[in-house]
């Protein structure tokens, strides 16, 4: 498997290190343990919306990790831990899946300040107060024991340490779309997510995430490491993202730490962003299908009218050919339908083409 290198973000604060100088993800080793994609765990070589959602989260918080000891809980394939290792002093990825840990340790073995160990998110295999930052993206919804989870996070964090955590916004992710993710055990509404954090941390800041189309304007020559993001929408001018699909929280007991972040709007694009073209292809195809359905519906109406006309003609001919002795009875019967003339070869033919 070839691991896709992370794309360049559209925006980073001036305090952030230059992404171009950060080490890229190590290529997969020949001995790397294969990790099958089941739909539950994101792989960096996946495509589509989830690619943007997952990569963006790690890029958006990279500048908060500089020089820190970081725990990536439920690290999965390991791509996010490997990216953060380019900013943090060291990163530990913890996951309860043995295959994922074996794969990550083999795939990212060349990154010296990164290691992966097996463990549960409700019994994190680290000492008390041993990390500065805990990152947990899309973990909460996969377990029931939410309170035990955040309690363990608090235990391994230093005093005043930082939690960066995300979870689907149930109101938008599931309810609004009528969607059920088979791998999710317990999703949270925004107020439930806030209440969970409030039981453990004194302060928090919330961010919303949702995919959307964008237009890029950038220099034709030279590299672009930071830039200006302009958002023009009623919702943005009102100061909120419309219907966020995911909620990302920064939580800490240190209010000054959170107040000092001055978090920017973060936009993210791939080096080769073909999502708009993919969408347009699907949209054009859907328009073609809608037009085709309309044509077929109109044609079907014509065929139905023709069948009714032929059926009535057939009924009249059959009625005229009956013996005179039964004319009186025939006059009391309604016009014959295709179903009532199934002894006739012509009627059977008409019935067949009308199906």
Foldseek 3Di string as FASTA:
>chain_A
DFADWAFFWAADDPLADFLVPFDTAFTADPPAQDDDDDPQADGRPDDDDVNCVVSQLLVQCLRVAAAWEEEEEQCFQPNSQRSSLSGYQAYEYEHQDPSSQSNNCRGRVVSVRYHYDYDDLLCDPAAFQATQEYEYEADCQQDDPLLSNVVVVNRNHHAFGKYKYKHFACVQQPVVVVDDDPRGDDGDHPVVVVVSLVVRFVDKDKAFDDDDDDDDDDDPDDDRNHDDDDDDDPQVVVPHDPPGRMMIMMTGNDPVSVVPCPRDDTGGAGPDHCNVVVVVVVVVVVVVVVVVVVVVVVVLVVLVVVLQVVQQVVQVVVLVPDDPVCNVVSVPDDRDGLVRPVVDPVSVVSVVVND
